[in-house]
């Protein structure tokens, strides 16, 4: 018998208007883990 391989999502990139609001939503409401939040300059992160 072969083992079944379960599909999964490894990386996701999202474009949002409000970084802090998006981070709060995904980390507090959905319990995602924030791995990186780097200031790229020019208002981008």
C-alpha atoms as a PDB file:
ATOM      1  CA  UNK A   1       0.000   0.000   0.000  1.00  0.00           C
ATOM      2  CA  UNK A   2       1.232   3.484  -0.798  1.00  0.00           C
ATOM      3  CA  UNK A   3       0.959   6.425   1.576  1.00  0.00           C
ATOM      4  CA  UNK A   4      -1.250   9.256   0.402  1.00  0.00           C
ATOM      5  CA  UNK A   5       0.406  12.627   0.043  1.00  0.00           C
ATOM      6  CA  UNK A   6      -1.608  15.490   1.453  1.00  0.00           C
ATOM      7  CA  UNK A   7      -1.336  18.774  -0.458  1.00  0.00           C
ATOM      8  CA  UNK A   8      -0.385  21.875   1.502  1.00  0.00           C
ATOM      9  CA  UNK A   9       0.380  25.550   1.050  1.00  0.00           C
ATOM     10  CA  UNK A  10       3.918  26.524   1.962  1.00  0.00           C
ATOM     11  CA  UNK A  11       4.266  30.227   1.054  1.00  0.00           C
ATOM     12  CA  UNK A  12       1.777  32.978   0.340  1.00  0.00           C
ATOM     13  CA  UNK A  13       2.347  36.621  -0.626  1.00  0.00           C
ATOM     14  CA  UNK A  14      -0.502  39.096  -0.207  1.00  0.00           C
ATOM     15  CA  UNK A  15      -0.772  42.686  -1.382  1.00  0.00           C
ATOM     16  CA  UNK A  16      -2.667  44.848   1.102  1.00  0.00           C
ATOM     17  CA  UNK A  17      -3.393  48.560   1.587  1.00  0.00           C
ATOM     18  CA  UNK A  18      -2.858  48.529   5.363  1.00  0.00           C
ATOM     19  CA  UNK A  19       0.049  46.401   6.593  1.00  0.00           C
ATOM     20  CA  UNK A  20      -0.694  46.732  10.301  1.00  0.00           C
ATOM     21  CA  UNK A  21      -4.390  45.946   9.846  1.00  0.00           C
ATOM     22  CA  UNK A  22      -3.610  42.931   7.671  1.00  0.00           C
ATOM     23  CA  UNK A  23      -1.014  41.628  10.127  1.00  0.00           C
ATOM     24  CA  UNK A  24      -3.467  42.014  13.024  1.00  0.00           C
ATOM     25  CA  UNK A  25      -6.209  40.182  11.093  1.00  0.00           C
ATOM     26  CA  UNK A  26      -4.093  37.243   9.992  1.00  0.00           C
ATOM     27  CA  UNK A  27      -2.211  36.794  13.275  1.00  0.00           C
ATOM     28  CA  UNK A  28      -5.013  37.488  15.773  1.00  0.00           C
ATOM     29  CA  UNK A  29      -8.176  36.359  13.973  1.00  0.00           C
ATOM     30  CA  UNK A  30      -6.799  33.496  11.881  1.00  0.00           C
ATOM     31  CA  UNK A  31      -3.931  32.515  14.211  1.00  0.00           C
ATOM     32  CA  UNK A  32      -1.310  32.638  11.437  1.00  0.00           C
ATOM     33  CA  UNK A  33       2.321  33.058  12.480  1.00  0.00           C
ATOM     34  CA  UNK A  34       4.148  36.168  11.267  1.00  0.00           C
ATOM     35  CA  UNK A  35       7.609  35.070  10.178  1.00  0.00           C
ATOM     36  CA  UNK A  36       8.931  38.326   8.728  1.00  0.00           C
ATOM     37  CA  UNK A  37       7.993  42.018   8.569  1.00  0.00           C
ATOM     38  CA  UNK A  38      10.853  43.909   6.913  1.00  0.00           C
ATOM     39  CA  UNK A  39      10.792  47.636   6.117  1.00  0.00           C
ATOM     40  CA  UNK A  40      11.752  47.958   2.449  1.00  0.00           C
ATOM     41  CA  UNK A  41      11.609  51.754   2.423  1.00  0.00           C
ATOM     42  CA  UNK A  42       9.199  53.981   0.564  1.00  0.00           C
ATOM     43  CA  UNK A  43       6.299  52.856   2.733  1.00  0.00           C
ATOM     44  CA  UNK A  44       6.712  49.228   1.642  1.00  0.00           C
ATOM     45  CA  UNK A  45       7.237  46.260   3.911  1.00  0.00           C
END
